[in-house]
Amino acid sequence: MGKSSFRYYVSGHPSSSLNSINFGINGDYYLNKTWSIQTGLLYQKMGGTTYNSEFKIDYVNIPFNMNWHFGKTKKWNLNFGIIQSFRTNNSMAQNILGATIKNTQTAINLGLGYRIKINNTIGILLDYQFLSGMNNVDKDEIYSIKNKGGNINLGTIIKI
């Protein structure tokens, strides 16, 4: 669970930030002590605000990341990859500057985290994730609209 702050960019010009809560579940499949593959299912709001409007686009995100665990005790991690996002709210009710929003978005992702070990099976994760939309989310392609933003998260680690 965490706090998100996103903006949409219309032809390179940013809106003001939209702040919201995000939540989800991630899993790591360890290839060795240093590398893991990370995926999950995350819910978050993206969009932004202008002087007279607030645009909230709800997404379910599926990340596909490589996760590099580093440091003497491997408590730090750096992850990078892509996120495929699926919009969950109605595009006719939710638009930006009259543009209809596509049902999907692909983004690049970069994150940094720190694990606090409680015991051999339970821990706490503090992490920051940055997302930058790669494709135009304007269905009619009148504008070039992309989401960018980040999350600060606090999570529980359960080793299975």
N, C-alpha and C. Protein backbone atom coordinates (compact mmCIF):
# COMPACT_ATOMS: atom_id res chain seq x y z
N MET A 1 0.85 -1.16 0.00
CA MET A 1 0.00 0.00 0.00
C MET A 1 0.90 1.23 0.00
N GLY A 2 0.46 2.25 -0.73
CA GLY A 2 1.29 3.42 -0.80
C GLY A 2 0.55 4.66 -1.24
N LYS A 3 1.32 5.70 -1.42
CA LYS A 3 0.80 6.97 -1.87
C LYS A 3 1.36 7.24 -3.27
N SER A 4 0.46 7.57 -4.20
CA SER A 4 0.84 7.85 -5.58
C SER A 4 0.72 9.34 -5.87
N SER A 5 1.56 9.79 -6.77
CA SER A 5 1.46 11.15 -7.29
C SER A 5 1.72 11.07 -8.80
N PHE A 6 0.69 11.40 -9.58
CA PHE A 6 0.79 11.30 -11.04
C PHE A 6 0.40 12.61 -11.71
N ARG A 7 0.88 12.78 -12.92
CA ARG A 7 0.52 13.88 -13.81
C ARG A 7 0.28 13.29 -15.18
N TYR A 8 -0.56 13.91 -15.95
CA TYR A 8 -0.61 13.56 -17.36
C TYR A 8 0.10 14.66 -18.12
N TYR A 9 0.70 14.30 -19.21
CA TYR A 9 1.42 15.24 -20.06
C TYR A 9 0.71 15.28 -21.40
N VAL A 10 0.26 16.46 -21.80
CA VAL A 10 -0.39 16.66 -23.10
C VAL A 10 0.62 17.35 -23.99
N SER A 11 1.07 16.64 -25.01
CA SER A 11 2.10 17.14 -25.93
C SER A 11 3.29 17.73 -25.18
N GLY A 12 3.69 17.04 -24.10
CA GLY A 12 4.86 17.43 -23.32
C GLY A 12 4.60 18.42 -22.20
N HIS A 13 3.39 18.97 -22.10
CA HIS A 13 3.07 19.95 -21.07
C HIS A 13 2.37 19.25 -19.90
N PRO A 14 2.91 19.39 -18.66
CA PRO A 14 2.35 18.66 -17.53
C PRO A 14 1.12 19.33 -16.91
N SER A 15 0.26 18.49 -16.38
CA SER A 15 -0.83 18.97 -15.53
C SER A 15 -0.28 19.12 -14.11
N SER A 16 -1.12 19.54 -13.19
CA SER A 16 -0.74 19.50 -11.78
C SER A 16 -0.90 18.07 -11.30
N SER A 17 -0.30 17.76 -10.16
CA SER A 17 -0.29 16.39 -9.63
C SER A 17 -1.66 15.94 -9.14
N LEU A 18 -1.92 14.66 -9.33
CA LEU A 18 -3.07 13.99 -8.73
C LEU A 18 -2.50 13.01 -7.71
N ASN A 19 -2.87 13.18 -6.45
CA ASN A 19 -2.38 12.31 -5.37
C ASN A 19 -3.48 11.35 -4.96
N SER A 20 -3.10 10.09 -4.74
CA SER A 20 -4.08 9.08 -4.34
C SER A 20 -3.38 7.93 -3.62
N ILE A 21 -4.17 6.98 -3.20
CA ILE A 21 -3.67 5.77 -2.54
C ILE A 21 -3.61 4.65 -3.59
N ASN A 22 -2.57 3.81 -3.52
CA ASN A 22 -2.48 2.64 -4.38
C ASN A 22 -2.30 1.40 -3.51
N PHE A 23 -2.66 0.24 -4.04
CA PHE A 23 -2.48 -1.00 -3.30
C PHE A 23 -2.36 -2.16 -4.27
N GLY A 24 -1.83 -3.26 -3.77
CA GLY A 24 -1.69 -4.44 -4.61
C GLY A 24 -0.82 -5.49 -3.98
N ILE A 25 -0.43 -6.45 -4.79
CA ILE A 25 0.41 -7.55 -4.33
C ILE A 25 1.47 -7.81 -5.40
N ASN A 26 2.70 -7.98 -4.95
CA ASN A 26 3.82 -8.31 -5.84
C ASN A 26 4.45 -9.60 -5.38
N GLY A 27 5.05 -10.30 -6.30
CA GLY A 27 5.79 -11.51 -5.97
C GLY A 27 7.12 -11.53 -6.68
N ASP A 28 8.11 -12.09 -6.03
CA ASP A 28 9.44 -12.24 -6.61
C ASP A 28 9.75 -13.72 -6.76
N TYR A 29 10.18 -14.11 -7.96
CA TYR A 29 10.68 -15.45 -8.19
C TYR A 29 12.20 -15.31 -8.30
N TYR A 30 12.92 -15.87 -7.31
CA TYR A 30 14.37 -15.71 -7.25
C TYR A 30 15.07 -16.66 -8.22
N LEU A 31 15.93 -16.10 -9.06
CA LEU A 31 16.77 -16.88 -9.96
C LEU A 31 18.04 -17.31 -9.24
N ASN A 32 18.53 -16.43 -8.36
CA ASN A 32 19.67 -16.69 -7.47
C ASN A 32 19.61 -15.64 -6.36
N LYS A 33 20.65 -15.49 -5.55
CA LYS A 33 20.60 -14.53 -4.44
C LYS A 33 20.59 -13.07 -4.91
N THR A 34 21.01 -12.83 -6.14
CA THR A 34 21.15 -11.47 -6.63
C THR A 34 20.00 -11.03 -7.52
N TRP A 35 19.41 -11.93 -8.30
CA TRP A 35 18.40 -11.57 -9.28
C TRP A 35 17.07 -12.28 -9.03
N SER A 36 15.98 -11.55 -9.26
CA SER A 36 14.64 -12.15 -9.22
C SER A 36 13.79 -11.52 -10.33
N ILE A 37 12.73 -12.21 -10.67
CA ILE A 37 11.73 -11.71 -11.60
C ILE A 37 10.54 -11.31 -10.75
N GLN A 38 10.04 -10.09 -10.97
CA GLN A 38 8.97 -9.55 -10.15
C GLN A 38 7.74 -9.29 -10.99
N THR A 39 6.60 -9.72 -10.50
CA THR A 39 5.32 -9.42 -11.14
C THR A 39 4.27 -9.28 -10.05
N GLY A 40 3.08 -8.90 -10.43
CA GLY A 40 2.02 -8.73 -9.44
C GLY A 40 0.77 -8.16 -10.06
N LEU A 41 -0.08 -7.63 -9.20
CA LEU A 41 -1.33 -7.03 -9.58
C LEU A 41 -1.52 -5.81 -8.69
N LEU A 42 -1.58 -4.62 -9.30
CA LEU A 42 -1.62 -3.37 -8.53
C LEU A 42 -2.75 -2.48 -9.02
N TYR A 43 -3.40 -1.79 -8.09
CA TYR A 43 -4.44 -0.84 -8.43
C TYR A 43 -3.93 0.57 -8.15
N GLN A 44 -4.12 1.48 -9.12
CA GLN A 44 -3.75 2.86 -8.85
C GLN A 44 -4.49 3.81 -9.77
N LYS A 45 -4.64 5.04 -9.28
CA LYS A 45 -5.25 6.11 -10.05
C LYS A 45 -4.15 6.92 -10.71
N MET A 46 -4.36 7.26 -11.97
CA MET A 46 -3.45 8.14 -12.69
C MET A 46 -4.28 9.27 -13.26
N GLY A 47 -3.62 10.31 -13.70
CA GLY A 47 -4.30 11.46 -14.25
C GLY A 47 -3.64 12.73 -13.77
N GLY A 48 -4.42 13.74 -13.51
CA GLY A 48 -3.87 15.01 -13.06
C GLY A 48 -4.97 16.02 -12.85
N THR A 49 -4.57 17.24 -12.53
CA THR A 49 -5.53 18.31 -12.31
C THR A 49 -5.13 19.53 -13.15
N THR A 50 -6.15 20.27 -13.58
CA THR A 50 -5.94 21.56 -14.22
C THR A 50 -6.65 22.58 -13.36
N TYR A 51 -6.66 23.83 -13.78
CA TYR A 51 -7.25 24.88 -12.96
C TYR A 51 -8.73 24.66 -12.67
N ASN A 52 -9.46 23.92 -13.52
CA ASN A 52 -10.89 23.75 -13.29
C ASN A 52 -11.36 22.30 -13.32
N SER A 53 -10.45 21.34 -13.52
CA SER A 53 -10.87 19.94 -13.64
C SER A 53 -9.86 19.00 -13.00
N GLU A 54 -10.37 17.85 -12.55
CA GLU A 54 -9.52 16.79 -12.04
C GLU A 54 -9.85 15.53 -12.82
N PHE A 55 -8.82 14.90 -13.39
CA PHE A 55 -9.01 13.71 -14.20
C PHE A 55 -8.40 12.52 -13.47
N LYS A 56 -9.24 11.53 -13.18
CA LYS A 56 -8.79 10.32 -12.48
C LYS A 56 -9.06 9.13 -13.39
N ILE A 57 -8.02 8.40 -13.71
CA ILE A 57 -8.15 7.21 -14.53
C ILE A 57 -7.69 6.04 -13.68
N ASP A 58 -8.59 5.10 -13.42
CA ASP A 58 -8.28 3.94 -12.58
C ASP A 58 -7.66 2.85 -13.44
N TYR A 59 -6.54 2.31 -12.97
CA TYR A 59 -5.84 1.25 -13.69
C TYR A 59 -5.55 0.07 -12.78
N VAL A 60 -5.58 -1.12 -13.36
CA VAL A 60 -5.00 -2.31 -12.76
C VAL A 60 -3.72 -2.55 -13.54
N ASN A 61 -2.60 -2.59 -12.83
CA ASN A 61 -1.28 -2.71 -13.45
C ASN A 61 -0.70 -4.10 -13.21
N ILE A 62 -0.06 -4.62 -14.23
CA ILE A 62 0.69 -5.87 -14.12
C ILE A 62 2.14 -5.56 -14.49
N PRO A 63 3.04 -5.53 -13.48
CA PRO A 63 4.45 -5.25 -13.77
C PRO A 63 5.19 -6.52 -14.19
N PHE A 64 6.18 -6.35 -15.06
CA PHE A 64 7.11 -7.41 -15.46
C PHE A 64 8.51 -6.83 -15.28
N ASN A 65 9.10 -7.07 -14.13
CA ASN A 65 10.37 -6.43 -13.77
C ASN A 65 11.47 -7.44 -13.47
N MET A 66 12.69 -7.02 -13.75
CA MET A 66 13.87 -7.69 -13.23
C MET A 66 14.23 -6.95 -11.95
N ASN A 67 14.59 -7.70 -10.93
CA ASN A 67 14.87 -7.13 -9.62
C ASN A 67 16.29 -7.53 -9.21
N TRP A 68 17.16 -6.54 -9.03
CA TRP A 68 18.54 -6.76 -8.64
C TRP A 68 18.66 -6.49 -7.15
N HIS A 69 19.02 -7.51 -6.37
CA HIS A 69 19.20 -7.40 -4.93
C HIS A 69 20.68 -7.17 -4.66
N PHE A 70 21.00 -6.07 -3.97
CA PHE A 70 22.41 -5.71 -3.81
C PHE A 70 22.70 -5.28 -2.37
N GLY A 71 23.97 -5.03 -2.13
CA GLY A 71 24.44 -4.70 -0.79
C GLY A 71 24.97 -5.96 -0.11
N LYS A 72 25.69 -5.78 0.96
CA LYS A 72 26.32 -6.90 1.66
C LYS A 72 25.30 -7.96 2.10
N THR A 73 24.14 -7.50 2.56
CA THR A 73 23.10 -8.44 3.03
C THR A 73 21.93 -8.56 2.06
N LYS A 74 22.05 -7.98 0.88
CA LYS A 74 21.02 -8.03 -0.18
C LYS A 74 19.68 -7.45 0.28
N LYS A 75 19.70 -6.46 1.17
CA LYS A 75 18.47 -5.83 1.65
C LYS A 75 17.97 -4.75 0.69
N TRP A 76 18.84 -4.25 -0.17
CA TRP A 76 18.45 -3.25 -1.17
C TRP A 76 18.05 -3.94 -2.46
N ASN A 77 17.12 -3.34 -3.20
CA ASN A 77 16.79 -3.87 -4.53
C ASN A 77 16.51 -2.72 -5.48
N LEU A 78 16.89 -2.95 -6.72
CA LEU A 78 16.63 -2.04 -7.82
C LEU A 78 15.89 -2.84 -8.87
N ASN A 79 14.69 -2.38 -9.25
CA ASN A 79 13.95 -3.13 -10.27
C ASN A 79 13.66 -2.24 -11.46
N PHE A 80 13.52 -2.88 -12.61
CA PHE A 80 13.28 -2.17 -13.86
C PHE A 80 12.54 -3.10 -14.81
N GLY A 81 11.70 -2.53 -15.62
CA GLY A 81 10.95 -3.34 -16.58
C GLY A 81 9.80 -2.56 -17.18
N ILE A 82 8.75 -3.29 -17.53
CA ILE A 82 7.56 -2.67 -18.13
C ILE A 82 6.34 -2.99 -17.27
N ILE A 83 5.35 -2.14 -17.41
CA ILE A 83 4.06 -2.34 -16.75
C ILE A 83 2.99 -2.26 -17.83
N GLN A 84 2.10 -3.24 -17.82
CA GLN A 84 0.93 -3.19 -18.69
C GLN A 84 -0.25 -2.78 -17.81
N SER A 85 -0.92 -1.69 -18.19
CA SER A 85 -2.03 -1.16 -17.39
C SER A 85 -3.34 -1.34 -18.14
N PHE A 86 -4.38 -1.70 -17.38
CA PHE A 86 -5.72 -1.90 -17.93
C PHE A 86 -6.67 -0.95 -17.21
N ARG A 87 -7.31 -0.07 -17.95
CA ARG A 87 -8.22 0.91 -17.37
C ARG A 87 -9.47 0.21 -16.86
N THR A 88 -9.95 0.61 -15.69
CA THR A 88 -11.12 -0.03 -15.09
C THR A 88 -12.35 0.86 -15.08
N ASN A 89 -12.20 2.18 -15.34
CA ASN A 89 -13.40 3.02 -15.36
C ASN A 89 -13.81 3.32 -16.80
N ASN A 90 -15.02 3.78 -16.97
CA ASN A 90 -15.63 3.99 -18.28
C ASN A 90 -14.97 5.15 -19.02
N SER A 91 -14.49 4.90 -20.26
CA SER A 91 -13.80 5.94 -21.02
C SER A 91 -14.74 7.06 -21.45
N MET A 92 -16.02 6.78 -21.64
CA MET A 92 -16.95 7.84 -22.05
C MET A 92 -17.19 8.81 -20.89
N ALA A 93 -17.13 8.31 -19.65
CA ALA A 93 -17.33 9.17 -18.48
C ALA A 93 -16.02 9.83 -18.07
N GLN A 94 -14.90 9.30 -18.50
CA GLN A 94 -13.60 9.83 -18.09
C GLN A 94 -12.79 10.19 -19.32
N ASN A 95 -12.59 11.48 -19.52
CA ASN A 95 -11.78 11.91 -20.65
C ASN A 95 -10.92 13.09 -20.23
N ILE A 96 -9.90 13.35 -21.00
CA ILE A 96 -8.99 14.47 -20.75
C ILE A 96 -9.08 15.40 -21.95
N LEU A 97 -9.49 16.63 -21.72
CA LEU A 97 -9.61 17.64 -22.78
C LEU A 97 -10.48 17.14 -23.94
N GLY A 98 -11.49 16.34 -23.63
CA GLY A 98 -12.38 15.81 -24.65
C GLY A 98 -11.86 14.56 -25.33
N ALA A 99 -10.64 14.14 -25.01
CA ALA A 99 -10.06 12.93 -25.61
C ALA A 99 -10.56 11.69 -24.88
N THR A 100 -10.95 10.67 -25.64
CA THR A 100 -11.35 9.39 -25.06
C THR A 100 -10.09 8.61 -24.72
N ILE A 101 -10.04 8.06 -23.51
CA ILE A 101 -8.86 7.36 -23.03
C ILE A 101 -8.89 5.89 -23.46
N LYS A 102 -7.76 5.41 -23.96
CA LYS A 102 -7.64 4.00 -24.36
C LYS A 102 -7.81 3.08 -23.16
N ASN A 103 -8.13 1.82 -23.44
CA ASN A 103 -8.31 0.83 -22.39
C ASN A 103 -7.00 0.30 -21.82
N THR A 104 -5.90 0.47 -22.54
CA THR A 104 -4.61 -0.05 -22.07
C THR A 104 -3.53 1.01 -22.16
N GLN A 105 -2.51 0.80 -21.39
CA GLN A 105 -1.34 1.67 -21.40
C GLN A 105 -0.12 0.79 -21.12
N THR A 106 0.97 1.05 -21.82
CA THR A 106 2.23 0.38 -21.55
C THR A 106 3.20 1.43 -21.03
N ALA A 107 3.94 1.06 -19.98
CA ALA A 107 4.84 2.04 -19.36
C ALA A 107 6.15 1.36 -18.98
N ILE A 108 7.19 2.17 -18.85
CA ILE A 108 8.44 1.67 -18.28
C ILE A 108 8.39 1.93 -16.78
N ASN A 109 9.10 1.11 -16.04
CA ASN A 109 9.07 1.17 -14.59
C ASN A 109 10.49 1.08 -14.05
N LEU A 110 10.75 1.86 -13.01
CA LEU A 110 12.04 1.82 -12.31
C LEU A 110 11.75 2.00 -10.83
N GLY A 111 12.35 1.16 -10.01
CA GLY A 111 12.07 1.24 -8.58
C GLY A 111 13.27 0.93 -7.72
N LEU A 112 13.23 1.41 -6.48
CA LEU A 112 14.27 1.18 -5.50
C LEU A 112 13.60 0.82 -4.19
N GLY A 113 14.08 -0.24 -3.54
CA GLY A 113 13.47 -0.67 -2.29
C GLY A 113 14.48 -1.10 -1.25
N TYR A 114 14.02 -1.15 0.00
CA TYR A 114 14.84 -1.60 1.13
C TYR A 114 14.00 -2.52 1.99
N ARG A 115 14.57 -3.70 2.31
CA ARG A 115 13.88 -4.73 3.08
C ARG A 115 14.38 -4.70 4.53
N ILE A 116 13.44 -4.69 5.47
CA ILE A 116 13.75 -4.78 6.89
C ILE A 116 13.30 -6.17 7.35
N LYS A 117 14.26 -6.98 7.77
CA LYS A 117 13.97 -8.36 8.17
C LYS A 117 13.45 -8.38 9.61
N ILE A 118 12.30 -9.03 9.80
CA ILE A 118 11.76 -9.23 11.14
C ILE A 118 12.15 -10.61 11.65
N ASN A 119 11.94 -11.62 10.82
CA ASN A 119 12.42 -12.98 11.11
C ASN A 119 12.69 -13.67 9.78
N ASN A 120 12.88 -14.99 9.76
CA ASN A 120 13.23 -15.69 8.52
C ASN A 120 12.13 -15.71 7.47
N THR A 121 10.88 -15.46 7.86
CA THR A 121 9.78 -15.52 6.89
C THR A 121 9.02 -14.20 6.71
N ILE A 122 9.22 -13.23 7.60
CA ILE A 122 8.45 -11.99 7.54
C ILE A 122 9.38 -10.79 7.53
N GLY A 123 9.02 -9.80 6.73
CA GLY A 123 9.78 -8.56 6.68
C GLY A 123 8.91 -7.39 6.26
N ILE A 124 9.51 -6.24 6.21
CA ILE A 124 8.83 -5.02 5.79
C ILE A 124 9.62 -4.46 4.60
N LEU A 125 8.90 -3.97 3.60
CA LEU A 125 9.54 -3.38 2.43
C LEU A 125 9.15 -1.91 2.32
N LEU A 126 10.13 -1.06 2.22
CA LEU A 126 9.94 0.35 1.90
C LEU A 126 10.42 0.52 0.47
N ASP A 127 9.59 1.12 -0.39
CA ASP A 127 10.02 1.19 -1.77
C ASP A 127 9.41 2.36 -2.51
N TYR A 128 10.13 2.79 -3.55
CA TYR A 128 9.66 3.85 -4.43
C TYR A 128 9.65 3.29 -5.85
N GLN A 129 8.55 3.55 -6.58
CA GLN A 129 8.42 3.10 -7.96
C GLN A 129 8.09 4.30 -8.84
N PHE A 130 8.78 4.41 -9.98
CA PHE A 130 8.51 5.46 -10.96
C PHE A 130 7.97 4.81 -12.22
N LEU A 131 6.93 5.40 -12.80
CA LEU A 131 6.30 4.88 -14.00
C LEU A 131 6.23 5.99 -15.03
N SER A 132 6.56 5.67 -16.27
CA SER A 132 6.46 6.64 -17.37
C SER A 132 5.76 5.97 -18.55
N GLY A 133 4.60 6.47 -18.90
CA GLY A 133 3.83 5.91 -20.01
C GLY A 133 4.60 6.01 -21.32
N MET A 134 4.59 4.93 -22.08
CA MET A 134 5.31 4.92 -23.37
C MET A 134 4.38 5.21 -24.54
N ASN A 135 3.10 4.85 -24.40
CA ASN A 135 2.19 5.04 -25.53
C ASN A 135 1.19 6.15 -25.23
N ASN A 136 0.68 6.74 -26.29
CA ASN A 136 -0.35 7.77 -26.21
C ASN A 136 -1.64 7.12 -25.74
N VAL A 137 -2.26 7.67 -24.68
CA VAL A 137 -3.51 7.08 -24.18
C VAL A 137 -4.76 7.72 -24.80
N ASP A 138 -4.58 8.69 -25.71
CA ASP A 138 -5.69 9.30 -26.43
C ASP A 138 -6.12 8.35 -27.55
N LYS A 139 -7.31 7.79 -27.41
CA LYS A 139 -7.82 6.82 -28.38
C LYS A 139 -7.92 7.40 -29.79
N ASP A 140 -8.32 8.66 -29.90
CA ASP A 140 -8.48 9.31 -31.21
C ASP A 140 -7.19 9.95 -31.70
N GLU A 141 -6.17 9.97 -30.88
CA GLU A 141 -4.85 10.53 -31.18
C GLU A 141 -4.91 11.99 -31.63
N ILE A 142 -5.83 12.74 -31.01
CA ILE A 142 -5.90 14.19 -31.24
C ILE A 142 -4.73 14.85 -30.52
N TYR A 143 -4.48 14.39 -29.30
CA TYR A 143 -3.38 14.89 -28.47
C TYR A 143 -2.40 13.75 -28.22
N SER A 144 -1.21 14.10 -27.76
CA SER A 144 -0.28 13.10 -27.24
C SER A 144 -0.38 13.17 -25.72
N ILE A 145 -1.07 12.19 -25.11
CA ILE A 145 -1.30 12.18 -23.67
C ILE A 145 -0.59 10.99 -23.05
N LYS A 146 0.27 11.27 -22.06
CA LYS A 146 1.01 10.20 -21.37
C LYS A 146 0.98 10.46 -19.87
N ASN A 147 0.93 9.37 -19.10
CA ASN A 147 0.96 9.45 -17.65
C ASN A 147 2.39 9.27 -17.15
N LYS A 148 2.76 10.03 -16.13
CA LYS A 148 4.05 9.86 -15.45
C LYS A 148 3.84 10.11 -13.97
N GLY A 149 4.54 9.34 -13.16
CA GLY A 149 4.42 9.56 -11.74
C GLY A 149 5.12 8.50 -10.94
N GLY A 150 4.89 8.53 -9.65
CA GLY A 150 5.56 7.59 -8.77
C GLY A 150 4.73 7.24 -7.55
N ASN A 151 5.20 6.21 -6.85
CA ASN A 151 4.55 5.73 -5.64
C ASN A 151 5.60 5.56 -4.55
N ILE A 152 5.24 5.90 -3.35
CA ILE A 152 6.03 5.54 -2.17
C ILE A 152 5.20 4.49 -1.45
N ASN A 153 5.80 3.32 -1.22
CA ASN A 153 5.04 2.18 -0.70
C ASN A 153 5.63 1.62 0.58
N LEU A 154 4.77 1.05 1.38
CA LEU A 154 5.12 0.30 2.58
C LEU A 154 4.41 -1.04 2.46
N GLY A 155 5.19 -2.13 2.53
CA GLY A 155 4.57 -3.45 2.34
C GLY A 155 5.11 -4.49 3.30
N THR A 156 4.41 -5.60 3.33
CA THR A 156 4.81 -6.76 4.12
C THR A 156 5.41 -7.79 3.21
N ILE A 157 6.53 -8.38 3.62
CA ILE A 157 7.19 -9.45 2.87
C ILE A 157 6.88 -10.76 3.60
N ILE A 158 6.38 -11.72 2.85
CA ILE A 158 6.12 -13.05 3.40
C ILE A 158 6.86 -14.05 2.51
N LYS A 159 7.82 -14.74 3.08
CA LYS A 159 8.60 -15.73 2.33
C LYS A 159 7.85 -17.05 2.35
N ILE A 160 7.61 -17.57 1.14
CA ILE A 160 6.87 -18.84 1.01
C ILE A 160 7.84 -19.94 0.67
